[in-house]
Every structure is written in structure tokens, then in C-alpha cells.
C-alpha atoms as a PDB file:
ATOM      1  CA  UNK A   1      -1.322  13.330 -20.969  1.00  0.00           C
ATOM      2  CA  UNK A   2      -0.257  12.748 -17.394  1.00  0.00           C
ATOM      3  CA  UNK A   3      -2.565  13.120 -14.338  1.00  0.00           C
ATOM      4  CA  UNK A   4      -2.384  16.420 -12.381  1.00  0.00           C
ATOM      5  CA  UNK A   5      -2.349  15.726  -8.718  1.00  0.00           C
ATOM      6  CA  UNK A   6      -3.741  18.164  -6.197  1.00  0.00           C
ATOM      7  CA  UNK A   7      -2.328  18.622  -2.775  1.00  0.00           C
ATOM      8  CA  UNK A   8      -3.660  20.263   0.368  1.00  0.00           C
ATOM      9  CA  UNK A   9      -2.031  22.727   2.808  1.00  0.00           C
ATOM     10  CA  UNK A  10      -0.421  19.642   4.481  1.00  0.00           C
ATOM     11  CA  UNK A  11       1.220  18.387   1.210  1.00  0.00           C
ATOM     12  CA  UNK A  12      -1.210  15.480   1.101  1.00  0.00           C
ATOM     13  CA  UNK A  13      -2.378  14.376  -2.248  1.00  0.00           C
ATOM     14  CA  UNK A  14      -6.081  14.639  -2.505  1.00  0.00           C
ATOM     15  CA  UNK A  15      -6.465  12.594  -5.821  1.00  0.00           C
ATOM     16  CA  UNK A  16      -3.880   9.816  -5.692  1.00  0.00           C
ATOM     17  CA  UNK A  17      -3.504   7.136  -8.325  1.00  0.00           C
ATOM     18  CA  UNK A  18      -4.946   3.827  -6.923  1.00  0.00           C
ATOM     19  CA  UNK A  19      -2.127   1.477  -7.886  1.00  0.00           C
ATOM     20  CA  UNK A  20      -3.391  -1.787  -6.579  1.00  0.00           C
ATOM     21  CA  UNK A  21      -6.204  -2.786  -4.123  1.00  0.00           C
ATOM     22  CA  UNK A  22      -7.156  -5.970  -2.357  1.00  0.00           C
ATOM     23  CA  UNK A  23     -10.701  -6.016  -0.900  1.00  0.00           C
ATOM     24  CA  UNK A  24     -12.934  -3.196  -0.070  1.00  0.00           C
ATOM     25  CA  UNK A  25     -14.067  -1.311   3.054  1.00  0.00           C
ATOM     26  CA  UNK A  26     -12.790  -1.866   6.551  1.00  0.00           C
ATOM     27  CA  UNK A  27     -10.512  -4.738   5.764  1.00  0.00           C
ATOM     28  CA  UNK A  28      -8.934  -3.349   2.350  1.00  0.00           C
ATOM     29  CA  UNK A  29      -5.303  -3.210   1.581  1.00  0.00           C
ATOM     30  CA  UNK A  30      -4.092  -0.708  -1.101  1.00  0.00           C
ATOM     31  CA  UNK A  31      -1.167   1.143  -2.575  1.00  0.00           C
ATOM     32  CA  UNK A  32      -1.587   4.712  -3.875  1.00  0.00           C
ATOM     33  CA  UNK A  33       0.829   7.018  -5.977  1.00  0.00           C
ATOM     34  CA  UNK A  34       1.190  10.617  -6.722  1.00  0.00           C
ATOM     35  CA  UNK A  35       3.797  12.786  -8.536  1.00  0.00           C
ATOM     36  CA  UNK A  36       4.983  16.236  -7.698  1.00  0.00           C
ATOM     37  CA  UNK A  37       7.744  18.066  -9.562  1.00  0.00           C
ATOM     38  CA  UNK A  38       9.069  14.858 -11.151  1.00  0.00           C
ATOM     39  CA  UNK A  39       9.091  12.914  -7.939  1.00  0.00           C
ATOM     40  CA  UNK A  40       6.793  10.072  -6.883  1.00  0.00           C
ATOM     41  CA  UNK A  41       5.361   9.405  -3.465  1.00  0.00           C
ATOM     42  CA  UNK A  42       3.518   6.508  -2.121  1.00  0.00           C
ATOM     43  CA  UNK A  43       0.554   5.895   0.219  1.00  0.00           C
ATOM     44  CA  UNK A  44      -0.739   2.724   1.615  1.00  0.00           C
ATOM     45  CA  UNK A  45      -3.506   1.352   3.713  1.00  0.00           C
ATOM     46  CA  UNK A  46      -3.976  -2.066   5.591  1.00  0.00           C
ATOM     47  CA  UNK A  47      -6.735  -2.122   7.842  1.00  0.00           C
ATOM     48  CA  UNK A  48      -8.141  -5.051   9.831  1.00  0.00           C
ATOM     49  CA  UNK A  49     -11.166  -4.677  11.775  1.00  0.00           C
ATOM     50  CA  UNK A  50     -11.570  -2.384  14.738  1.00  0.00           C
ATOM     51  CA  UNK A  51      -8.075  -1.517  15.879  1.00  0.00           C
ATOM     52  CA  UNK A  52      -5.529  -3.462  13.774  1.00  0.00           C
ATOM     53  CA  UNK A  53      -4.203  -1.674  10.770  1.00  0.00           C
ATOM     54  CA  UNK A  54      -1.855   1.137   9.392  1.00  0.00           C
ATOM     55  CA  UNK A  55      -2.013   3.643   6.712  1.00  0.00           C
ATOM     56  CA  UNK A  56      -0.007   6.568   5.302  1.00  0.00           C
ATOM     57  CA  UNK A  57      -1.257   9.038   2.747  1.00  0.00           C
ATOM     58  CA  UNK A  58       0.533  10.051  -0.438  1.00  0.00           C
ATOM     59  CA  UNK A  59       2.501  13.079   0.843  1.00  0.00           C
ATOM     60  CA  UNK A  60       5.372  15.120  -0.442  1.00  0.00           C
ATOM     61  CA  UNK A  61       6.599  15.322   3.141  1.00  0.00           C
ATOM     62  CA  UNK A  62       8.015  11.804   2.532  1.00  0.00           C
ATOM     63  CA  UNK A  63      11.223  10.807   0.661  1.00  0.00           C
ATOM     64  CA  UNK A  64      10.983  11.254  -3.095  1.00  0.00           C
ATOM     65  CA  UNK A  65      11.174   8.176  -5.506  1.00  0.00           C
ATOM     66  CA  UNK A  66      10.935   7.166  -9.086  1.00  0.00           C
ATOM     67  CA  UNK A  67       7.535   5.735  -9.712  1.00  0.00           C
ATOM     68  CA  UNK A  68       9.015   2.236  -9.477  1.00  0.00           C
ATOM     69  CA  UNK A  69      10.993   2.980  -6.226  1.00  0.00           C
ATOM     70  CA  UNK A  70       7.677   4.398  -4.712  1.00  0.00           C
ATOM     71  CA  UNK A  71       5.809   1.060  -5.620  1.00  0.00           C
ATOM     72  CA  UNK A  72       8.734  -1.024  -4.266  1.00  0.00           C
ATOM     73  CA  UNK A  73       8.815   0.946  -0.931  1.00  0.00           C
ATOM     74  CA  UNK A  74       5.052   0.679  -0.451  1.00  0.00           C
ATOM     75  CA  UNK A  75       5.204  -2.992  -1.357  1.00  0.00           C
ATOM     76  CA  UNK A  76       8.007  -3.689   1.240  1.00  0.00           C
ATOM     77  CA  UNK A  77       5.927  -2.096   3.973  1.00  0.00           C
ATOM     78  CA  UNK A  78       2.843  -4.107   3.141  1.00  0.00           C
ATOM     79  CA  UNK A  79       4.907  -7.291   2.781  1.00  0.00           C
ATOM     80  CA  UNK A  80       6.228  -6.957   6.341  1.00  0.00           C
ATOM     81  CA  UNK A  81       2.862  -6.258   7.765  1.00  0.00           C
ATOM     82  CA  UNK A  82       1.093  -9.134   5.810  1.00  0.00           C
ATOM     83  CA  UNK A  83       3.596 -11.568   7.083  1.00  0.00           C
ATOM     84  CA  UNK A  84       3.006 -10.134  10.667  1.00  0.00           C
ATOM     85  CA  UNK A  85      -0.800 -10.356  10.262  1.00  0.00           C
ATOM     86  CA  UNK A  86      -0.624 -14.012   9.146  1.00  0.00           C
ATOM     87  CA  UNK A  87       1.512 -14.969  12.181  1.00  0.00           C
ATOM     88  CA  UNK A  88      -0.968 -13.332  14.644  1.00  0.00           C
ATOM     89  CA  UNK A  89      -4.163 -15.120  15.889  1.00  0.00           C
ATOM     90  CA  UNK A  90      -7.686 -13.876  14.775  1.00  0.00           C
ATOM     91  CA  UNK A  91      -9.193 -11.659  17.259  1.00  0.00           C
ATOM     92  CA  UNK A  92     -10.887  -8.228  17.642  1.00  0.00           C
ATOM     93  CA  UNK A  93      -7.698  -6.557  16.404  1.00  0.00           C
ATOM     94  CA  UNK A  94      -6.800  -8.960  13.522  1.00  0.00           C
ATOM     95  CA  UNK A  95      -9.945 -10.175  11.613  1.00  0.00           C
ATOM     96  CA  UNK A  96     -10.295 -13.196   9.383  1.00  0.00           C
ATOM     97  CA  UNK A  97     -10.910 -10.713   6.551  1.00  0.00           C
ATOM     98  CA  UNK A  98      -7.623  -8.867   7.309  1.00  0.00           C
ATOM     99  CA  UNK A  99      -5.709 -12.201   7.118  1.00  0.00           C
ATOM    100  CA  UNK A 100      -7.508 -12.985   3.863  1.00  0.00           C
ATOM    101  CA  UNK A 101      -6.347  -9.737   2.222  1.00  0.00           C
ATOM    102  CA  UNK A 102      -2.854 -10.107   3.724  1.00  0.00           C
ATOM    103  CA  UNK A 103      -2.635 -13.685   2.132  1.00  0.00           C
ATOM    104  CA  UNK A 104      -3.978 -12.192  -1.232  1.00  0.00           C
ATOM    105  CA  UNK A 105      -1.372  -9.605  -1.115  1.00  0.00           C
ATOM    106  CA  UNK A 106       1.440 -12.048  -0.429  1.00  0.00           C
ATOM    107  CA  UNK A 107       0.129 -14.242  -3.342  1.00  0.00           C
ATOM    108  CA  UNK A 108       0.328 -11.093  -5.626  1.00  0.00           C
ATOM    109  CA  UNK A 109       3.653 -10.220  -4.288  1.00  0.00           C
ATOM    110  CA  UNK A 110       5.116 -13.658  -4.824  1.00  0.00           C
ATOM    111  CA  UNK A 111       3.568 -13.926  -8.367  1.00  0.00           C
ATOM    112  CA  UNK A 112       4.784 -10.488  -9.615  1.00  0.00           C
ATOM    113  CA  UNK A 113       7.707  -9.190  -7.505  1.00  0.00           C
ATOM    114  CA  UNK A 114       9.532 -12.405  -7.023  1.00  0.00           C
ATOM    115  CA  UNK A 115       9.510 -13.766 -10.485  1.00  0.00           C
ATOM    116  CA  UNK A 116      13.022 -15.173 -11.384  1.00  0.00           C
ATOM    117  CA  UNK A 117      14.807 -13.320 -14.087  1.00  0.00           C
ATOM    118  CA  UNK A 118      15.117 -15.458 -17.204  1.00  0.00           C
ATOM    119  CA  UNK A 119      18.238 -15.340 -19.133  1.00  0.00           C
END
């Protein structure tokens, strides 16, 4: 039986599936997924201390995807931001913990997404 997702009046999923998470609390990074009428949507969070970070909830207001497409799109966004976070110096807006989870995300990305196809 598949999970039934609930949405608020703004089309934001109130109970998304947590696909993958790195860390907890203020410096955590994660990808969430939800499904509505056969289409999949993604959400993400990458926070890093007081002011550095970005997030987007799972919302049917975004473009619809397959489940795999939603994971891929969220992963692309986190990858670009992780690479940016590692290039910036540690300061009040880019904490050492933020960099640690950015590095963990990229290690996961490189070990799972970029595996060569074996023929």
C-alpha cells in the first residue's frame, strides 16, 4: 500500500517522505518527496548556520516528475550548492558543520549517482 500524502491550502505537502538526510538540526541537508495524482514532487533543505542556506518544500506548484526524476532534480540542486559551500570560507554564514554535510552529500553523490555503468 502506498503512502497517502496530505497537502495544505497552498499545495505544500504536510507529510512528505524523507528520502535522504545528512545531519540533524540547523546544519542538516535533506531531500523529501511526495506524490499527487501520479506525479512526484521534491523538496530539499540545506541550512548552514545563521543565514546560509536554502530550502523548498514538496509542493504541487512545482513541475511534476517521475519519482526518479524528482530525486534527480533535487540532487542536482543540492550538488550545485554543496560545491558552492565548499568553495566559500567558513564564516558566520557558512559554518564548519554546513561544510561537513556538504562534503558528506558529495561523497554520497559520487558513490551512488556517478557509478560507471558496467557492461
